[in-house]
C-alpha atoms as a PDB file:
ATOM      1  CA  MET A   1      -1.371   5.165  13.369  1.00  0.00           C
ATOM      2  CA  ARG A   2      -1.404   2.490  10.832  1.00  0.00           C
ATOM      3  CA  ILE A   3      -0.416   2.729   7.054  1.00  0.00           C
ATOM      4  CA  CYS A   4      -1.818   0.066   4.637  1.00  0.00           C
ATOM      5  CA  VAL A   5       0.783  -0.682   2.151  1.00  0.00           C
ATOM      6  CA  PHE A   6      -0.455  -2.288  -1.266  1.00  0.00           C
ATOM      7  CA  CYS A   7       2.430  -4.190  -3.054  1.00  0.00           C
ATOM      8  CA  GLY A   8       3.119  -7.316  -4.974  1.00  0.00           C
ATOM      9  CA  SER A   9       3.314 -11.065  -4.598  1.00  0.00           C
ATOM     10  CA  ALA A  10       6.230 -10.867  -6.835  1.00  0.00           C
ATOM     11  CA  ARG A  11       9.553  -9.033  -6.452  1.00  0.00           C
ATOM     12  CA  GLY A  12       9.861  -7.645  -9.876  1.00  0.00           C
ATOM     13  CA  PHE A  13      12.942  -7.777 -11.935  1.00  0.00           C
ATOM     14  CA  SER A  14      14.881  -4.907 -10.169  1.00  0.00           C
ATOM     15  CA  PRO A  15      16.270  -5.439  -6.725  1.00  0.00           C
ATOM     16  CA  GLU A  16      15.359  -1.641  -6.153  1.00  0.00           C
ATOM     17  CA  TYR A  17      11.722  -2.699  -5.712  1.00  0.00           C
ATOM     18  CA  ALA A  18      12.569  -5.022  -2.834  1.00  0.00           C
ATOM     19  CA  GLU A  19      14.770  -2.532  -1.323  1.00  0.00           C
ATOM     20  CA  ALA A  20      12.369   0.096  -1.386  1.00  0.00           C
ATOM     21  CA  ALA A  21       9.859  -2.206   0.281  1.00  0.00           C
ATOM     22  CA  ALA A  22      12.281  -3.223   3.047  1.00  0.00           C
ATOM     23  CA  GLY A  23      12.958   0.556   3.517  1.00  0.00           C
ATOM     24  CA  VAL A  24       9.351   1.183   4.087  1.00  0.00           C
ATOM     25  CA  GLY A  25       8.748  -1.691   6.567  1.00  0.00           C
ATOM     26  CA  LYS A  26      11.725  -0.625   8.642  1.00  0.00           C
ATOM     27  CA  LEU A  27      10.805   3.237   8.326  1.00  0.00           C
ATOM     28  CA  LEU A  28       7.301   2.458   9.626  1.00  0.00           C
ATOM     29  CA  ALA A  29       8.484   0.411  12.496  1.00  0.00           C
ATOM     30  CA  GLN A  30      11.027   2.921  13.489  1.00  0.00           C
ATOM     31  CA  ARG A  31       8.362   5.608  13.483  1.00  0.00           C
ATOM     32  CA  GLY A  32       5.883   3.506  15.571  1.00  0.00           C
ATOM     33  CA  ILE A  33       3.501   3.266  12.717  1.00  0.00           C
ATOM     34  CA  GLY A  34       1.807   0.025  12.394  1.00  0.00           C
ATOM     35  CA  LEU A  35       1.818  -1.740   8.817  1.00  0.00           C
ATOM     36  CA  VAL A  36      -1.389  -3.344   7.383  1.00  0.00           C
ATOM     37  CA  TYR A  37      -0.782  -5.329   4.235  1.00  0.00           C
ATOM     38  CA  GLY A  38      -2.003  -8.244   2.137  1.00  0.00           C
ATOM     39  CA  GLY A  39      -0.803 -10.865   4.734  1.00  0.00           C
ATOM     40  CA  ALA A  40       1.677 -12.892   2.347  1.00  0.00           C
ATOM     41  CA  SER A  41       5.140 -14.094   2.901  1.00  0.00           C
ATOM     42  CA  VAL A  42       6.220 -13.799  -0.698  1.00  0.00           C
ATOM     43  CA  GLY A  43       7.099 -11.078  -3.100  1.00  0.00           C
ATOM     44  CA  THR A  44       7.392  -7.385  -1.864  1.00  0.00           C
ATOM     45  CA  MET A  45       4.591  -8.287   0.631  1.00  0.00           C
ATOM     46  CA  GLY A  46       6.919 -10.602   2.316  1.00  0.00           C
ATOM     47  CA  VAL A  47       9.665  -8.122   2.308  1.00  0.00           C
ATOM     48  CA  VAL A  48       8.072  -5.260   3.673  1.00  0.00           C
ATOM     49  CA  ALA A  49       6.523  -7.224   6.411  1.00  0.00           C
ATOM     50  CA  ASP A  50       9.764  -9.084   7.569  1.00  0.00           C
ATOM     51  CA  ALA A  51      11.630  -5.533   7.428  1.00  0.00           C
ATOM     52  CA  ALA A  52       8.815  -4.116   9.620  1.00  0.00           C
ATOM     53  CA  LEU A  53       8.851  -7.063  12.242  1.00  0.00           C
ATOM     54  CA  ALA A  54      12.868  -7.097  12.316  1.00  0.00           C
ATOM     55  CA  ALA A  55      12.595  -3.518  13.466  1.00  0.00           C
ATOM     56  CA  GLY A  56       9.997  -4.373  15.903  1.00  0.00           C
ATOM     57  CA  GLY A  57       7.011  -2.980  14.371  1.00  0.00           C
ATOM     58  CA  GLU A  58       3.272  -3.867  14.521  1.00  0.00           C
ATOM     59  CA  VAL A  59       2.442  -5.890  11.402  1.00  0.00           C
ATOM     60  CA  ILE A  60      -1.154  -6.879  10.574  1.00  0.00           C
ATOM     61  CA  GLY A  61      -1.961  -9.149   7.293  1.00  0.00           C
ATOM     62  CA  VAL A  62      -5.108  -9.630   5.900  1.00  0.00           C
ATOM     63  CA  ILE A  63      -5.365 -12.396   3.276  1.00  0.00           C
ATOM     64  CA  PRO A  64      -8.430 -14.401   1.649  1.00  0.00           C
ATOM     65  CA  GLU A  65      -8.726 -18.107   2.365  1.00  0.00           C
ATOM     66  CA  VAL A  66      -8.350 -18.761  -1.443  1.00  0.00           C
ATOM     67  CA  LEU A  67      -4.826 -17.096  -1.444  1.00  0.00           C
ATOM     68  CA  SER A  68      -3.585 -18.274   2.107  1.00  0.00           C
ATOM     69  CA  ASP A  69      -1.941 -21.270   0.281  1.00  0.00           C
ATOM     70  CA  VAL A  70      -1.036 -19.592  -2.971  1.00  0.00           C
ATOM     71  CA  GLU A  71       0.563 -16.414  -1.646  1.00  0.00           C
ATOM     72  CA  ILE A  72       1.572 -18.425   1.500  1.00  0.00           C
ATOM     73  CA  ALA A  73       0.306 -16.588   4.536  1.00  0.00           C
ATOM     74  CA  HIS A  74       2.913 -15.016   6.776  1.00  0.00           C
ATOM     75  CA  GLY A  75       3.262 -16.944   9.943  1.00  0.00           C
ATOM     76  CA  GLY A  76       5.119 -14.455  12.135  1.00  0.00           C
ATOM     77  CA  LEU A  77       2.816 -11.469  12.016  1.00  0.00           C
ATOM     78  CA  THR A  78       1.470  -9.540  14.977  1.00  0.00           C
ATOM     79  CA  GLU A  79      -2.017 -10.357  13.649  1.00  0.00           C
ATOM     80  CA  LEU A  80      -3.342 -12.341  10.601  1.00  0.00           C
ATOM     81  CA  HIS A  81      -6.957 -11.961   9.517  1.00  0.00           C
ATOM     82  CA  VAL A  82      -7.912 -14.725   7.042  1.00  0.00           C
ATOM     83  CA  VAL A  83     -11.080 -13.608   5.305  1.00  0.00           C
ATOM     84  CA  ALA A  84     -13.526 -14.988   2.861  1.00  0.00           C
ATOM     85  CA  ASP A  85     -12.622 -13.056  -0.304  1.00  0.00           C
ATOM     86  CA  MET A  86     -10.963 -10.208  -2.053  1.00  0.00           C
ATOM     87  CA  HIS A  87     -13.672  -7.649  -1.064  1.00  0.00           C
ATOM     88  CA  GLN A  88     -13.421  -8.623   2.552  1.00  0.00           C
ATOM     89  CA  ARG A  89      -9.751  -8.206   2.355  1.00  0.00           C
ATOM     90  CA  LYS A  90      -9.896  -4.710   1.054  1.00  0.00           C
ATOM     91  CA  ALA A  91     -12.513  -3.771   3.475  1.00  0.00           C
ATOM     92  CA  LYS A  92     -10.639  -4.942   6.576  1.00  0.00           C
ATOM     93  CA  MET A  93      -7.524  -3.356   5.250  1.00  0.00           C
ATOM     94  CA  ALA A  94      -9.239  -0.029   4.964  1.00  0.00           C
ATOM     95  CA  GLU A  95     -10.955  -0.463   8.355  1.00  0.00           C
ATOM     96  CA  LEU A  96      -7.605  -1.099  10.044  1.00  0.00           C
ATOM     97  CA  SER A  97      -5.646   1.833   8.448  1.00  0.00           C
ATOM     98  CA  ASP A  98      -5.260   5.486   8.473  1.00  0.00           C
ATOM     99  CA  ALA A  99      -3.680   5.863   5.048  1.00  0.00           C
ATOM    100  CA  PHE A 100      -2.662   4.009   2.021  1.00  0.00           C
ATOM    101  CA  VAL A 101       0.592   3.778   0.052  1.00  0.00           C
ATOM    102  CA  ALA A 102       1.066   1.788  -3.193  1.00  0.00           C
ATOM    103  CA  LEU A 103       4.449   0.371  -3.819  1.00  0.00           C
ATOM    104  CA  PRO A 104       5.325  -1.138  -7.251  1.00  0.00           C
ATOM    105  CA  GLY A 105       3.163  -4.116  -7.777  1.00  0.00           C
ATOM    106  CA  GLY A 106       0.895  -5.632 -10.488  1.00  0.00           C
ATOM    107  CA  VAL A 107      -2.834  -5.693 -11.257  1.00  0.00           C
ATOM    108  CA  GLY A 108      -3.866  -6.621  -7.720  1.00  0.00           C
ATOM    109  CA  THR A 109      -1.764  -3.591  -6.446  1.00  0.00           C
ATOM    110  CA  LEU A 110      -3.442  -1.263  -9.052  1.00  0.00           C
ATOM    111  CA  GLU A 111      -6.872  -2.702  -8.227  1.00  0.00           C
ATOM    112  CA  GLU A 112      -6.528  -2.012  -4.506  1.00  0.00           C
ATOM    113  CA  LEU A 113      -5.213   1.537  -5.298  1.00  0.00           C
ATOM    114  CA  PHE A 114      -7.845   2.416  -7.545  1.00  0.00           C
ATOM    115  CA  GLU A 115     -10.585   1.047  -5.225  1.00  0.00           C
ATOM    116  CA  VAL A 116      -9.464   3.098  -2.404  1.00  0.00           C
ATOM    117  CA  TRP A 117      -9.074   6.239  -4.619  1.00  0.00           C
ATOM    118  CA  THR A 118     -12.549   5.690  -5.865  1.00  0.00           C
ATOM    119  CA  TRP A 119     -13.771   5.466  -2.189  1.00  0.00           C
ATOM    120  CA  ALA A 120     -11.988   8.760  -1.362  1.00  0.00           C
ATOM    121  CA  GLN A 121     -13.592  10.375  -4.574  1.00  0.00           C
ATOM    122  CA  LEU A 122     -17.145   9.347  -3.390  1.00  0.00           C
ATOM    123  CA  GLY A 123     -16.277  10.430   0.267  1.00  0.00           C
ATOM    124  CA  ILE A 124     -16.474   6.987   1.756  1.00  0.00           C
ATOM    125  CA  HIS A 125     -13.233   7.703   3.513  1.00  0.00           C
ATOM    126  CA  GLY A 126     -10.910  10.780   3.833  1.00  0.00           C
ATOM    127  CA  LYS A 127      -7.557   8.921   4.352  1.00  0.00           C
ATOM    128  CA  PRO A 128      -4.470  10.062   2.618  1.00  0.00           C
ATOM    129  CA  ILE A 129      -3.262   7.927  -0.659  1.00  0.00           C
ATOM    130  CA  GLY A 130       0.066   7.953  -1.821  1.00  0.00           C
ATOM    131  CA  LEU A 131       2.290   6.297  -4.639  1.00  0.00           C
ATOM    132  CA  LEU A 132       6.018   5.416  -3.755  1.00  0.00           C
ATOM    133  CA  ASP A 133       7.492   6.080  -7.271  1.00  0.00           C
ATOM    134  CA  VAL A 134      10.374   3.701  -6.895  1.00  0.00           C
ATOM    135  CA  ALA A 135      12.780   4.277 -10.006  1.00  0.00           C
ATOM    136  CA  GLY A 136       9.859   5.898 -12.096  1.00  0.00           C
ATOM    137  CA  TYR A 137       7.600   2.896 -11.801  1.00  0.00           C
ATOM    138  CA  TYR A 138       4.673   5.069 -11.267  1.00  0.00           C
ATOM    139  CA  SER A 139       5.475   7.850 -13.627  1.00  0.00           C
ATOM    140  CA  PRO A 140       3.313   6.473 -16.606  1.00  0.00           C
ATOM    141  CA  LEU A 141       0.302   6.129 -14.082  1.00  0.00           C
ATOM    142  CA  VAL A 142       0.643   9.671 -12.864  1.00  0.00           C
ATOM    143  CA  ALA A 143       1.065  10.981 -16.373  1.00  0.00           C
ATOM    144  CA  PHE A 144      -2.207   9.056 -17.299  1.00  0.00           C
ATOM    145  CA  ALA A 145      -3.888  10.602 -14.312  1.00  0.00           C
ATOM    146  CA  ASP A 146      -2.831  14.072 -15.409  1.00  0.00           C
ATOM    147  CA  GLN A 147      -4.108  13.196 -19.154  1.00  0.00           C
ATOM    148  CA  MET A 148      -7.574  12.223 -17.603  1.00  0.00           C
ATOM    149  CA  LEU A 149      -7.560  15.641 -15.699  1.00  0.00           C
ATOM    150  CA  GLU A 150      -6.648  17.443 -19.043  1.00  0.00           C
ATOM    151  CA  LYS A 151      -9.385  15.545 -21.121  1.00  0.00           C
ATOM    152  CA  GLY A 152     -12.100  16.240 -18.452  1.00  0.00           C
ATOM    153  CA  PHE A 153     -12.494  12.742 -17.013  1.00  0.00           C
ATOM    154  CA  LEU A 154     -11.099  13.572 -13.576  1.00  0.00           C
ATOM    155  CA  ARG A 155     -11.701  16.564 -11.347  1.00  0.00           C
ATOM    156  CA  PRO A 156      -8.791  18.507  -9.864  1.00  0.00           C
ATOM    157  CA  GLU A 157      -9.750  17.738  -6.404  1.00  0.00           C
ATOM    158  CA  THR A 158      -9.853  14.007  -7.243  1.00  0.00           C
ATOM    159  CA  ARG A 159      -6.316  14.104  -8.814  1.00  0.00           C
ATOM    160  CA  GLU A 160      -5.229  15.906  -5.784  1.00  0.00           C
ATOM    161  CA  LEU A 161      -6.278  12.701  -3.564  1.00  0.00           C
ATOM    162  CA  ILE A 162      -3.018  10.993  -4.701  1.00  0.00           C
ATOM    163  CA  THR A 163       0.360  12.131  -3.279  1.00  0.00           C
ATOM    164  CA  VAL A 164       3.440  10.881  -5.340  1.00  0.00           C
ATOM    165  CA  ALA A 165       6.957  10.782  -3.847  1.00  0.00           C
ATOM    166  CA  SER A 166      10.125   8.909  -4.821  1.00  0.00           C
ATOM    167  CA  ASP A 167      11.496   8.997  -1.359  1.00  0.00           C
ATOM    168  CA  ALA A 168       9.810   6.820   1.302  1.00  0.00           C
ATOM    169  CA  GLU A 169      10.585   9.202   4.164  1.00  0.00           C
ATOM    170  CA  LYS A 170       8.985  12.179   2.371  1.00  0.00           C
ATOM    171  CA  LEU A 171       5.901  10.125   1.427  1.00  0.00           C
ATOM    172  CA  VAL A 172       5.253   8.779   5.007  1.00  0.00           C
ATOM    173  CA  ASP A 173       5.960  12.388   6.250  1.00  0.00           C
ATOM    174  CA  LEU A 174       3.174  13.660   3.886  1.00  0.00           C
ATOM    175  CA  MET A 175       0.777  10.724   4.748  1.00  0.00           C
ATOM    176  CA  SER A 176       1.399  11.215   8.590  1.00  0.00           C
ATOM    177  CA  ARG A 177       0.516  14.976   8.454  1.00  0.00           C
ATOM    178  CA  SER A 178      -2.574  14.316   6.192  1.00  0.00           C
ATOM    179  CA  ALA A 179      -3.774  11.316   8.421  1.00  0.00           C
ATOM    180  CA  GLY A 180      -3.130  13.326  11.753  1.00  0.00           C
END
């Protein structure tokens, strides 16, 4: 099994974000779950990859050519796929993964999350999607999704496609059950 982790090319202002990323990387490796991610050595992307590698895990990065210098492609991965653009990046990460988890991140993280959520809504894939709500980071997004549901712009079954947990072990357990 492999889980795709969407996360940032920055670390954020709180050390909790990097600590959570390291915890996820280590947890996946300890459980024999491969990590698929954006291929960078910087930000929480680098943290999650380094932690998984340090714990002996499989780490597969996917990075577009244009970002391989900006985000600094990670040199020590199990596999690194350099692709032409962001569309190919997302498609390749989805192809390689059995589930998706978003850690705190910026607009790129949200864009990746919303694309796989949309694909699930459309039936393009049936893979589990989760949010690791580190220190309440995703609470406003979850509240907004609930508002979309209340206002009639989101069906209950589409809202249920996203699993939210503040504990990485609990979230990975839920993702593993849903994927397996």
